[in-house]
Amino acid sequence: MAKYYGKCPSKLEEEDIGNYLHFMIVKKGCSEGSISGAYSGIKLLWEKILEREWNCVRLPRPNRTKTLPEILSIEEVKGLIAATRNRKHKTILRLLYSTGLRMGELVMN
């Protein structure tokens, strides 16, 4: 951000931060994770280092888009199970499909 503006971050205003985040989203095409990381870093700098108050109303964290999982058709599931040769793996696939478990719920730590 300092490089973008060519001056020390302590000389920046809230409007500058908003404009920089907008630049990252629109012009630079950064991912949502990169935007979130930059937001957190700027907020930390602003509050802890510069000891300035962070205005959550004027500078809200950008929302992450929510995506629905891809759902396989019955034929695709049958084909996946049929293509599996290992009995244990076949059982795991059947268990996942029939109970609706997520992979993380199946895997043991």
PDB file of N, CA and C in Angstrom:
ATOM      1  N   MET A   1       0.833  -1.180   0.000  1.00  0.00           N
ATOM      2  CA  MET A   1       0.000   0.000   0.000  1.00  0.00           C
ATOM      3  C   MET A   1       0.883   1.250   0.000  1.00  0.00           C
ATOM      4  N   ALA A   2       1.968   1.203   0.783  1.00  0.00           N
ATOM      5  CA  ALA A   2       2.896   2.342   0.795  1.00  0.00           C
ATOM      6  C   ALA A   2       3.529   2.528  -0.575  1.00  0.00           C
ATOM      7  N   LYS A   3       3.857   1.430  -1.224  1.00  0.00           N
ATOM      8  CA  LYS A   3       4.448   1.497  -2.559  1.00  0.00           C
ATOM      9  C   LYS A   3       3.426   2.048  -3.564  1.00  0.00           C
ATOM     10  N   TYR A   4       2.182   1.637  -3.429  1.00  0.00           N
ATOM     11  CA  TYR A   4       1.124   2.094  -4.334  1.00  0.00           C
ATOM     12  C   TYR A   4       0.947   3.613  -4.245  1.00  0.00           C
ATOM     13  N   TYR A   5       0.944   4.139  -3.012  1.00  0.00           N
ATOM     14  CA  TYR A   5       0.756   5.574  -2.824  1.00  0.00           C
ATOM     15  C   TYR A   5       2.063   6.366  -2.851  1.00  0.00           C
ATOM     16  N   GLY A   6       3.185   5.682  -2.667  1.00  0.00           N
ATOM     17  CA  GLY A   6       4.479   6.359  -2.671  1.00  0.00           C
ATOM     18  C   GLY A   6       4.725   7.216  -1.455  1.00  0.00           C
ATOM     19  N   LYS A   7       4.084   6.856  -0.340  1.00  0.00           N
ATOM     20  CA  LYS A   7       4.323   7.589   0.898  1.00  0.00           C
ATOM     21  C   LYS A   7       4.103   6.678   2.098  1.00  0.00           C
ATOM     22  N   CYS A   8       4.530   7.135   3.244  1.00  0.00           N
ATOM     23  CA  CYS A   8       4.437   6.368   4.482  1.00  0.00           C
ATOM     24  C   CYS A   8       2.966   6.101   4.832  1.00  0.00           C
ATOM     25  N   PRO A   9       2.638   4.879   5.278  1.00  0.00           N
ATOM     26  CA  PRO A   9       1.253   4.565   5.644  1.00  0.00           C
ATOM     27  C   PRO A   9       0.685   5.464   6.739  1.00  0.00           C
ATOM     28  N   SER A  10       1.535   6.028   7.579  1.00  0.00           N
ATOM     29  CA  SER A  10       1.040   6.910   8.647  1.00  0.00           C
ATOM     30  C   SER A  10       0.434   8.192   8.091  1.00  0.00           C
ATOM     31  N   LYS A  11       0.745   8.509   6.844  1.00  0.00           N
ATOM     32  CA  LYS A  11       0.211   9.722   6.223  1.00  0.00           C
ATOM     33  C   LYS A  11      -1.073   9.453   5.423  1.00  0.00           C
ATOM     34  N   LEU A  12      -1.513   8.210   5.417  1.00  0.00           N
ATOM     35  CA  LEU A  12      -2.715   7.848   4.660  1.00  0.00           C
ATOM     36  C   LEU A  12      -3.972   8.052   5.487  1.00  0.00           C
ATOM     37  N   GLU A  13      -5.092   8.207   4.805  1.00  0.00           N
ATOM     38  CA  GLU A  13      -6.394   8.376   5.446  1.00  0.00           C
ATOM     39  C   GLU A  13      -7.269   7.156   5.155  1.00  0.00           C
ATOM     40  N   GLU A  14      -8.416   7.090   5.809  1.00  0.00           N
ATOM     41  CA  GLU A  14      -9.351   5.977   5.598  1.00  0.00           C
ATOM     42  C   GLU A  14      -9.732   5.829   4.132  1.00  0.00           C
ATOM     43  N   GLU A  15      -9.971   6.939   3.487  1.00  0.00           N
ATOM     44  CA  GLU A  15     -10.365   6.927   2.072  1.00  0.00           C
ATOM     45  C   GLU A  15      -9.289   6.263   1.209  1.00  0.00           C
ATOM     46  N   ASP A  16      -8.029   6.490   1.558  1.00  0.00           N
ATOM     47  CA  ASP A  16      -6.927   5.876   0.817  1.00  0.00           C
ATOM     48  C   ASP A  16      -6.961   4.352   0.938  1.00  0.00           C
ATOM     49  N   ILE A  17      -7.282   3.868   2.120  1.00  0.00           N
ATOM     50  CA  ILE A  17      -7.357   2.418   2.333  1.00  0.00           C
ATOM     51  C   ILE A  17      -8.475   1.823   1.484  1.00  0.00           C
ATOM     52  N   GLY A  18      -9.633   2.450   1.509  1.00  0.00           N
ATOM     53  CA  GLY A  18     -10.755   1.990   0.690  1.00  0.00           C
ATOM     54  C   GLY A  18     -10.412   1.978  -0.791  1.00  0.00           C
ATOM     55  N   ASN A  19      -9.746   3.035  -1.240  1.00  0.00           N
ATOM     56  CA  ASN A  19      -9.340   3.104  -2.651  1.00  0.00           C
ATOM     57  C   ASN A  19      -8.325   2.023  -3.000  1.00  0.00           C
ATOM     58  N   TYR A  20      -7.409   1.726  -2.066  1.00  0.00           N
ATOM     59  CA  TYR A  20      -6.409   0.690  -2.323  1.00  0.00           C
ATOM     60  C   TYR A  20      -7.057  -0.694  -2.410  1.00  0.00           C
ATOM     61  N   LEU A  21      -7.980  -0.981  -1.496  1.00  0.00           N
ATOM     62  CA  LEU A  21      -8.690  -2.270  -1.550  1.00  0.00           C
ATOM     63  C   LEU A  21      -9.503  -2.382  -2.844  1.00  0.00           C
ATOM     64  N   HIS A  22     -10.104  -1.286  -3.254  1.00  0.00           N
ATOM     65  CA  HIS A  22     -10.851  -1.269  -4.517  1.00  0.00           C
ATOM     66  C   HIS A  22      -9.912  -1.550  -5.689  1.00  0.00           C
ATOM     67  N   PHE A  23      -8.720  -0.951  -5.655  1.00  0.00           N
ATOM     68  CA  PHE A  23      -7.705  -1.191  -6.683  1.00  0.00           C
ATOM     69  C   PHE A  23      -7.335  -2.681  -6.735  1.00  0.00           C
ATOM     70  N   MET A  24      -7.145  -3.285  -5.554  1.00  0.00           N
ATOM     71  CA  MET A  24      -6.779  -4.708  -5.506  1.00  0.00           C
ATOM     72  C   MET A  24      -7.870  -5.587  -6.113  1.00  0.00           C
ATOM     73  N   ILE A  25      -9.120  -5.241  -5.863  1.00  0.00           N
ATOM     74  CA  ILE A  25     -10.244  -6.044  -6.344  1.00  0.00           C
ATOM     75  C   ILE A  25     -10.460  -5.842  -7.840  1.00  0.00           C
ATOM     76  N   VAL A  26     -10.568  -4.595  -8.266  1.00  0.00           N
ATOM     77  CA  VAL A  26     -10.963  -4.280  -9.633  1.00  0.00           C
ATOM     78  C   VAL A  26      -9.792  -4.314 -10.614  1.00  0.00           C
ATOM     79  N   LYS A  27      -8.768  -3.568 -10.331  1.00  0.00           N
ATOM     80  CA  LYS A  27      -7.672  -3.419 -11.299  1.00  0.00           C
ATOM     81  C   LYS A  27      -6.671  -4.575 -11.251  1.00  0.00           C
ATOM     82  N   LYS A  28      -6.304  -4.983 -10.044  1.00  0.00           N
ATOM     83  CA  LYS A  28      -5.286  -6.012  -9.889  1.00  0.00           C
ATOM     84  C   LYS A  28      -5.870  -7.418  -9.993  1.00  0.00           C
ATOM     85  N   GLY A  29      -7.170  -7.563  -9.745  1.00  0.00           N
ATOM     86  CA  GLY A  29      -7.837  -8.854  -9.850  1.00  0.00           C
ATOM     87  C   GLY A  29      -7.383  -9.863  -8.811  1.00  0.00           C
ATOM     88  N   CYS A  30      -7.107  -9.421  -7.608  1.00  0.00           N
ATOM     89  CA  CYS A  30      -6.633 -10.306  -6.545  1.00  0.00           C
ATOM     90  C   CYS A  30      -7.736 -11.259  -6.093  1.00  0.00           C
ATOM     91  N   SER A  31      -7.329 -12.401  -5.578  1.00  0.00           N
ATOM     92  CA  SER A  31      -8.289 -13.392  -5.081  1.00  0.00           C
ATOM     93  C   SER A  31      -8.916 -12.899  -3.780  1.00  0.00           C
ATOM     94  N   GLU A  32     -10.015 -13.535  -3.406  1.00  0.00           N
ATOM     95  CA  GLU A  32     -10.692 -13.153  -2.170  1.00  0.00           C
ATOM     96  C   GLU A  32      -9.792 -13.363  -0.959  1.00  0.00           C
ATOM     97  N   GLY A  33      -8.988 -14.420  -0.987  1.00  0.00           N
ATOM     98  CA  GLY A  33      -8.059 -14.685   0.106  1.00  0.00           C
ATOM     99  C   GLY A  33      -6.995 -13.606   0.221  1.00  0.00           C
ATOM    100  N   SER A  34      -6.500 -13.137  -0.924  1.00  0.00           N
ATOM    101  CA  SER A  34      -5.498 -12.063  -0.921  1.00  0.00           C
ATOM    102  C   SER A  34      -6.089 -10.763  -0.394  1.00  0.00           C
ATOM    103  N   ILE A  35      -7.304 -10.477  -0.789  1.00  0.00           N
ATOM    104  CA  ILE A  35      -7.984  -9.261  -0.316  1.00  0.00           C
ATOM    105  C   ILE A  35      -8.176  -9.336   1.196  1.00  0.00           C
ATOM    106  N   SER A  36      -8.631 -10.487   1.668  1.00  0.00           N
ATOM    107  CA  SER A  36      -8.859 -10.666   3.100  1.00  0.00           C
ATOM    108  C   SER A  36      -7.557 -10.532   3.886  1.00  0.00           C
ATOM    109  N   GLY A  37      -6.476 -11.108   3.362  1.00  0.00           N
ATOM    110  CA  GLY A  37      -5.182 -10.993   4.021  1.00  0.00           C
ATOM    111  C   GLY A  37      -4.679  -9.562   4.066  1.00  0.00           C
ATOM    112  N   ALA A  38      -4.843  -8.849   2.967  1.00  0.00           N
ATOM    113  CA  ALA A  38      -4.431  -7.445   2.916  1.00  0.00           C
ATOM    114  C   ALA A  38      -5.255  -6.609   3.898  1.00  0.00           C
ATOM    115  N   TYR A  39      -6.556  -6.874   3.938  1.00  0.00           N
ATOM    116  CA  TYR A  39      -7.453  -6.159   4.855  1.00  0.00           C
ATOM    117  C   TYR A  39      -6.989  -6.360   6.301  1.00  0.00           C
ATOM    118  N   SER A  40      -6.707  -7.626   6.660  1.00  0.00           N
ATOM    119  CA  SER A  40      -6.275  -7.928   8.031  1.00  0.00           C
ATOM    120  C   SER A  40      -4.952  -7.245   8.354  1.00  0.00           C
ATOM    121  N   GLY A  41      -4.018  -7.270   7.401  1.00  0.00           N
ATOM    122  CA  GLY A  41      -2.723  -6.630   7.622  1.00  0.00           C
ATOM    123  C   GLY A  41      -2.836  -5.126   7.771  1.00  0.00           C
ATOM    124  N   ILE A  42      -3.651  -4.516   6.936  1.00  0.00           N
ATOM    125  CA  ILE A  42      -3.843  -3.059   7.002  1.00  0.00           C
ATOM    126  C   ILE A  42      -4.521  -2.682   8.315  1.00  0.00           C
ATOM    127  N   LYS A  43      -5.510  -3.486   8.714  1.00  0.00           N
ATOM    128  CA  LYS A  43      -6.217  -3.218   9.971  1.00  0.00           C
ATOM    129  C   LYS A  43      -5.269  -3.333  11.157  1.00  0.00           C
ATOM    130  N   LEU A  44      -4.415  -4.357  11.148  1.00  0.00           N
ATOM    131  CA  LEU A  44      -3.429  -4.537  12.219  1.00  0.00           C
ATOM    132  C   LEU A  44      -2.484  -3.330  12.272  1.00  0.00           C
ATOM    133  N   LEU A  45      -1.971  -2.924  11.127  1.00  0.00           N
ATOM    134  CA  LEU A  45      -1.094  -1.753  11.052  1.00  0.00           C
ATOM    135  C   LEU A  45      -1.799  -0.517  11.597  1.00  0.00           C
ATOM    136  N   TRP A  46      -3.020  -0.326  11.162  1.00  0.00           N
ATOM    137  CA  TRP A  46      -3.788   0.872  11.516  1.00  0.00           C
ATOM    138  C   TRP A  46      -4.042   0.942  13.027  1.00  0.00           C
ATOM    139  N   GLU A  47      -4.471  -0.198  13.620  1.00  0.00           N
ATOM    140  CA  GLU A  47      -4.857  -0.194  15.031  1.00  0.00           C
ATOM    141  C   GLU A  47      -3.662  -0.350  15.982  1.00  0.00           C
ATOM    142  N   LYS A  48      -2.793  -1.311  15.708  1.00  0.00           N
ATOM    143  CA  LYS A  48      -1.736  -1.652  16.665  1.00  0.00           C
ATOM    144  C   LYS A  48      -0.467  -0.818  16.500  1.00  0.00           C
ATOM    145  N   ILE A  49      -0.086  -0.551  15.268  1.00  0.00           N
ATOM    146  CA  ILE A  49       1.159   0.178  15.034  1.00  0.00           C
ATOM    147  C   ILE A  49       0.924   1.687  15.039  1.00  0.00           C
ATOM    148  N   LEU A  50      -0.048   2.129  14.234  1.00  0.00           N
ATOM    149  CA  LEU A  50      -0.319   3.567  14.127  1.00  0.00           C
ATOM    150  C   LEU A  50      -1.238   4.076  15.235  1.00  0.00           C
ATOM    151  N   GLU A  51      -1.836   3.127  15.996  1.00  0.00           N
ATOM    152  CA  GLU A  51      -2.740   3.448  17.105  1.00  0.00           C
ATOM    153  C   GLU A  51      -3.852   4.405  16.681  1.00  0.00           C
ATOM    154  N   ARG A  52      -4.461   4.073  15.548  1.00  0.00           N
ATOM    155  CA  ARG A  52      -5.593   4.845  15.046  1.00  0.00           C
ATOM    156  C   ARG A  52      -6.831   3.971  15.106  1.00  0.00           C
ATOM    157  N   GLU A  53      -7.979   4.601  15.244  1.00  0.00           N
ATOM    158  CA  GLU A  53      -9.227   3.842  15.355  1.00  0.00           C
ATOM    159  C   GLU A  53      -9.657   3.335  13.986  1.00  0.00           C
ATOM    160  N   TRP A  54     -10.050   2.055  13.940  1.00  0.00           N
ATOM    161  CA  TRP A  54     -10.511   1.416  12.703  1.00  0.00           C
ATOM    162  C   TRP A  54     -12.020   1.552  12.619  1.00  0.00           C
ATOM    163  N   ASN A  55     -12.509   2.112  11.540  1.00  0.00           N
ATOM    164  CA  ASN A  55     -13.936   2.321  11.356  1.00  0.00           C
ATOM    165  C   ASN A  55     -14.513   1.165  10.544  1.00  0.00           C
ATOM    166  N   CYS A  56     -15.120   0.190  11.246  1.00  0.00           N
ATOM    167  CA  CYS A  56     -15.677  -0.996  10.580  1.00  0.00           C
ATOM    168  C   CYS A  56     -16.864  -0.664   9.677  1.00  0.00           C
ATOM    169  N   VAL A  57     -17.526   0.445   9.937  1.00  0.00           N
ATOM    170  CA  VAL A  57     -18.673   0.830   9.111  1.00  0.00           C
ATOM    171  C   VAL A  57     -18.199   1.409   7.780  1.00  0.00           C
ATOM    172  N   ARG A  58     -17.197   2.254   7.835  1.00  0.00           N
ATOM    173  CA  ARG A  58     -16.687   2.871   6.600  1.00  0.00           C
ATOM    174  C   ARG A  58     -15.752   1.958   5.823  1.00  0.00           C
ATOM    175  N   LEU A  59     -15.100   1.013   6.543  1.00  0.00           N
ATOM    176  CA  LEU A  59     -14.176   0.075   5.897  1.00  0.00           C
ATOM    177  C   LEU A  59     -14.557  -1.369   6.262  1.00  0.00           C
ATOM    178  N   PRO A  60     -15.691  -1.853   5.766  1.00  0.00           N
ATOM    179  CA  PRO A  60     -16.098  -3.223   6.110  1.00  0.00           C
ATOM    180  C   PRO A  60     -15.239  -4.248   5.371  1.00  0.00           C
ATOM    181  N   ARG A  61     -15.105  -5.418   5.983  1.00  0.00           N
ATOM    182  CA  ARG A  61     -14.372  -6.511   5.337  1.00  0.00           C
ATOM    183  C   ARG A  61     -15.194  -6.988   4.143  1.00  0.00           C
ATOM    184  N   PRO A  62     -14.562  -7.144   2.983  1.00  0.00           N
ATOM    185  CA  PRO A  62     -15.296  -7.636   1.810  1.00  0.00           C
ATOM    186  C   PRO A  62     -15.841  -9.040   2.050  1.00  0.00           C
ATOM    187  N   ASN A  63     -17.059  -9.275   1.618  1.00  0.00           N
ATOM    188  CA  ASN A  63     -17.687 -10.588   1.796  1.00  0.00           C
ATOM    189  C   ASN A  63     -17.087 -11.604   0.833  1.00  0.00           C
ATOM    190  N   ARG A  64     -16.986 -12.836   1.287  1.00  0.00           N
ATOM    191  CA  ARG A  64     -16.535 -13.923   0.425  1.00  0.00           C
ATOM    192  C   ARG A  64     -17.761 -14.509  -0.257  1.00  0.00           C
ATOM    193  N   THR A  65     -17.587 -14.877  -1.510  1.00  0.00           N
ATOM    194  CA  THR A  65     -18.705 -15.486  -2.227  1.00  0.00           C
ATOM    195  C   THR A  65     -18.884 -16.922  -1.752  1.00  0.00           C
ATOM    196  N   LYS A  66     -20.122 -17.320  -1.642  1.00  0.00           N
ATOM    197  CA  LYS A  66     -20.431 -18.676  -1.200  1.00  0.00           C
ATOM    198  C   LYS A  66     -20.811 -19.509  -2.417  1.00  0.00           C
ATOM    199  N   THR A  67     -20.168 -20.658  -2.546  1.00  0.00           N
ATOM    200  CA  THR A  67     -20.454 -21.535  -3.673  1.00  0.00           C
ATOM    201  C   THR A  67     -21.042 -22.843  -3.172  1.00  0.00           C
ATOM    202  N   LEU A  68     -21.952 -23.379  -3.929  1.00  0.00           N
ATOM    203  CA  LEU A  68     -22.548 -24.664  -3.590  1.00  0.00           C
ATOM    204  C   LEU A  68     -21.669 -25.786  -4.113  1.00  0.00           C
ATOM    205  N   PRO A  69     -21.645 -26.899  -3.406  1.00  0.00           N
ATOM    206  CA  PRO A  69     -20.829 -28.016  -3.881  1.00  0.00           C
ATOM    207  C   PRO A  69     -21.410 -28.628  -5.147  1.00  0.00           C
ATOM    208  N   GLU A  70     -20.538 -29.242  -5.941  1.00  0.00           N
ATOM    209  CA  GLU A  70     -20.985 -29.928  -7.151  1.00  0.00           C
ATOM    210  C   GLU A  70     -21.606 -31.258  -6.756  1.00  0.00           C
ATOM    211  N   ILE A  71     -22.759 -31.551  -7.310  1.00  0.00           N
ATOM    212  CA  ILE A  71     -23.472 -32.789  -6.982  1.00  0.00           C
ATOM    213  C   ILE A  71     -23.373 -33.740  -8.165  1.00  0.00           C
ATOM    214  N   LEU A  72     -22.955 -34.968  -7.861  1.00  0.00           N
ATOM    215  CA  LEU A  72     -22.841 -35.980  -8.910  1.00  0.00           C
ATOM    216  C   LEU A  72     -24.199 -36.596  -9.201  1.00  0.00           C
ATOM    217  N   SER A  73     -24.408 -36.978 -10.451  1.00  0.00           N
ATOM    218  CA  SER A  73     -25.644 -37.674 -10.808  1.00  0.00           C
ATOM    219  C   SER A  73     -25.563 -39.113 -10.300  1.00  0.00           C
ATOM    220  N   ILE A  74     -26.700 -39.796 -10.264  1.00  0.00           N
ATOM    221  CA  ILE A  74     -26.742 -41.187  -9.804  1.00  0.00           C
ATOM    222  C   ILE A  74     -25.859 -42.064 -10.691  1.00  0.00           C
ATOM    223  N   GLU A  75     -25.878 -41.802 -11.987  1.00  0.00           N
ATOM    224  CA  GLU A  75     -25.053 -42.582 -12.917  1.00  0.00           C
ATOM    225  C   GLU A  75     -23.570 -42.366 -12.638  1.00  0.00           C
ATOM    226  N   GLU A  76     -23.183 -41.120 -12.341  1.00  0.00           N
ATOM    227  CA  GLU A  76     -21.782 -40.833 -12.045  1.00  0.00           C
ATOM    228  C   GLU A  76     -21.331 -41.531 -10.767  1.00  0.00           C
ATOM    229  N   VAL A  77     -22.196 -41.552  -9.772  1.00  0.00           N
ATOM    230  CA  VAL A  77     -21.869 -42.229  -8.509  1.00  0.00           C
ATOM    231  C   VAL A  77     -21.733 -43.728  -8.735  1.00  0.00           C
ATOM    232  N   LYS A  78     -22.678 -44.309  -9.474  1.00  0.00           N
ATOM    233  CA  LYS A  78     -22.609 -45.748  -9.779  1.00  0.00           C
ATOM    234  C   LYS A  78     -21.325 -46.073 -10.544  1.00  0.00           C
ATOM    235  N   GLY A  79     -20.978 -45.237 -11.508  1.00  0.00           N
ATOM    236  CA  GLY A  79     -19.764 -45.446 -12.291  1.00  0.00           C
ATOM    237  C   GLY A  79     -18.511 -45.345 -11.435  1.00  0.00           C
ATOM    238  N   LEU A  80     -18.501 -44.403 -10.501  1.00  0.00           N
ATOM    239  CA  LEU A  80     -17.366 -44.228  -9.603  1.00  0.00           C
ATOM    240  C   LEU A  80     -17.186 -45.452  -8.707  1.00  0.00           C
ATOM    241  N   ILE A  81     -18.282 -45.932  -8.151  1.00  0.00           N
ATOM    242  CA  ILE A  81     -18.216 -47.119  -7.289  1.00  0.00           C
ATOM    243  C   ILE A  81     -17.824 -48.350  -8.098  1.00  0.00           C
ATOM    244  N   ALA A  82     -18.393 -48.487  -9.283  1.00  0.00           N
ATOM    245  CA  ALA A  82     -18.084 -49.654 -10.128  1.00  0.00           C
ATOM    246  C   ALA A  82     -16.623 -49.652 -10.581  1.00  0.00           C
ATOM    247  N   ALA A  83     -16.039 -48.486 -10.779  1.00  0.00           N
ATOM    248  CA  ALA A  83     -14.658 -48.390 -11.252  1.00  0.00           C
ATOM    249  C   ALA A  83     -13.639 -48.679 -10.149  1.00  0.00           C
ATOM    250  N   THR A  84     -14.095 -48.675  -8.907  1.00  0.00           N
ATOM    251  CA  THR A  84     -13.197 -48.910  -7.782  1.00  0.00           C
ATOM    252  C   THR A  84     -13.006 -50.410  -7.578  1.00  0.00           C
ATOM    253  N   ARG A  85     -11.770 -50.849  -7.566  1.00  0.00           N
ATOM    254  CA  ARG A  85     -11.454 -52.277  -7.436  1.00  0.00           C
ATOM    255  C   ARG A  85     -11.248 -52.710  -5.989  1.00  0.00           C
ATOM    256  N   ASN A  86     -10.678 -51.855  -5.196  1.00  0.00           N
ATOM    257  CA  ASN A  86     -10.374 -52.184  -3.807  1.00  0.00           C
ATOM    258  C   ASN A  86     -11.666 -52.238  -2.991  1.00  0.00           C
ATOM    259  N   ARG A  87     -11.875 -53.356  -2.278  1.00  0.00           N
ATOM    260  CA  ARG A  87     -13.114 -53.561  -1.517  1.00  0.00           C
ATOM    261  C   ARG A  87     -13.275 -52.507  -0.418  1.00  0.00           C
ATOM    262  N   LYS A  88     -12.187 -52.174   0.266  1.00  0.00           N
ATOM    263  CA  LYS A  88     -12.249 -51.172   1.326  1.00  0.00           C
ATOM    264  C   LYS A  88     -12.649 -49.812   0.759  1.00  0.00           C
ATOM    265  N   HIS A  89     -12.043 -49.425  -0.358  1.00  0.00           N
ATOM    266  CA  HIS A  89     -12.365 -48.138  -0.978  1.00  0.00           C
ATOM    267  C   HIS A  89     -13.799 -48.103  -1.486  1.00  0.00           C
ATOM    268  N   LYS A  90     -14.241 -49.224  -2.030  1.00  0.00           N
ATOM    269  CA  LYS A  90     -15.624 -49.324  -2.508  1.00  0.00           C
ATOM    270  C   LYS A  90     -16.594 -49.156  -1.343  1.00  0.00           C
ATOM    271  N   THR A  91     -16.272 -49.775  -0.209  1.00  0.00           N
ATOM    272  CA  THR A  91     -17.113 -49.664   0.990  1.00  0.00           C
ATOM    273  C   THR A  91     -17.147 -48.224   1.489  1.00  0.00           C
ATOM    274  N   ILE A  92     -15.992 -47.569   1.473  1.00  0.00           N
ATOM    275  CA  ILE A  92     -15.927 -46.167   1.904  1.00  0.00           C
ATOM    276  C   ILE A  92     -16.793 -45.293   1.006  1.00  0.00           C
ATOM    277  N   LEU A  93     -16.714 -45.481  -0.309  1.00  0.00           N
ATOM    278  CA  LEU A  93     -17.530 -44.695  -1.240  1.00  0.00           C
ATOM    279  C   LEU A  93     -19.018 -44.936  -1.016  1.00  0.00           C
ATOM    280  N   ARG A  94     -19.382 -46.176  -0.812  1.00  0.00           N
ATOM    281  CA  ARG A  94     -20.799 -46.495  -0.546  1.00  0.00           C
ATOM    282  C   ARG A  94     -21.267 -45.848   0.757  1.00  0.00           C
ATOM    283  N   LEU A  95     -20.426 -45.901   1.781  1.00  0.00           N
ATOM    284  CA  LEU A  95     -20.757 -45.294   3.066  1.00  0.00           C
ATOM    285  C   LEU A  95     -20.938 -43.780   2.914  1.00  0.00           C
ATOM    286  N   LEU A  96     -20.002 -43.134   2.227  1.00  0.00           N
ATOM    287  CA  LEU A  96     -20.099 -41.692   2.011  1.00  0.00           C
ATOM    288  C   LEU A  96     -21.384 -41.319   1.290  1.00  0.00           C
ATOM    289  N   TYR A  97     -21.675 -42.050   0.219  1.00  0.00           N
ATOM    290  CA  TYR A  97     -22.842 -41.711  -0.583  1.00  0.00           C
ATOM    291  C   TYR A  97     -24.150 -42.003   0.154  1.00  0.00           C
ATOM    292  N   SER A  98     -24.231 -43.159   0.798  1.00  0.00           N
ATOM    293  CA  SER A  98     -25.499 -43.554   1.421  1.00  0.00           C
ATOM    294  C   SER A  98     -25.827 -42.757   2.684  1.00  0.00           C
ATOM    295  N   THR A  99     -24.805 -42.291   3.407  1.00  0.00           N
ATOM    296  CA  THR A  99     -25.060 -41.564   4.654  1.00  0.00           C
ATOM    297  C   THR A  99     -24.978 -40.049   4.501  1.00  0.00           C
ATOM    298  N   GLY A 100     -24.387 -39.578   3.402  1.00  0.00           N
ATOM    299  CA  GLY A 100     -24.246 -38.137   3.209  1.00  0.00           C
ATOM    300  C   GLY A 100     -23.100 -37.533   4.014  1.00  0.00           C
ATOM    301  N   LEU A 101     -22.178 -38.377   4.473  1.00  0.00           N
ATOM    302  CA  LEU A 101     -21.020 -37.866   5.217  1.00  0.00           C
ATOM    303  C   LEU A 101     -20.128 -37.030   4.328  1.00  0.00           C
ATOM    304  N   ARG A 102     -19.439 -36.080   4.931  1.00  0.00           N
ATOM    305  CA  ARG A 102     -18.407 -35.329   4.221  1.00  0.00           C
ATOM    306  C   ARG A 102     -17.108 -36.101   4.393  1.00  0.00           C
ATOM    307  N   MET A 103     -16.148 -35.846   3.505  1.00  0.00           N
ATOM    308  CA  MET A 103     -14.862 -36.535   3.585  1.00  0.00           C
ATOM    309  C   MET A 103     -14.194 -36.268   4.945  1.00  0.00           C
ATOM    310  N   GLY A 104     -14.255 -35.039   5.402  1.00  0.00           N
ATOM    311  CA  GLY A 104     -13.643 -34.694   6.688  1.00  0.00           C
ATOM    312  C   GLY A 104     -14.268 -35.411   7.850  1.00  0.00           C
ATOM    313  N   GLU A 105     -15.548 -35.758   7.752  1.00  0.00           N
ATOM    314  CA  GLU A 105     -16.220 -36.494   8.808  1.00  0.00           C
ATOM    315  C   GLU A 105     -15.836 -37.966   8.777  1.00  0.00           C
ATOM    316  N   LEU A 106     -15.442 -38.447   7.627  1.00  0.00           N
ATOM    317  CA  LEU A 106     -15.050 -39.846   7.480  1.00  0.00           C
ATOM    318  C   LEU A 106     -13.614 -40.078   7.937  1.00  0.00           C
ATOM    319  N   VAL A 107     -12.728 -39.145   7.623  1.00  0.00           N
ATOM    320  CA  VAL A 107     -11.305 -39.308   7.913  1.00  0.00           C
ATOM    321  C   VAL A 107     -11.075 -39.183   9.406  1.00  0.00           C
ATOM    322  N   MET A 108     -10.298 -40.119   9.952  1.00  0.00           N
ATOM    323  CA  MET A 108      -9.977 -40.077  11.382  1.00  0.00           C
ATOM    324  C   MET A 108      -8.599 -39.465  11.561  1.00  0.00           C
ATOM    325  N   ASN A 109      -8.465 -38.675  12.610  1.00  0.00           N
ATOM    326  CA  ASN A 109      -7.162 -38.051  12.901  1.00  0.00           C
ATOM    327  C   ASN A 109      -6.256 -39.011  13.596  1.00  0.00           C
TER     328      ASN A 109
END
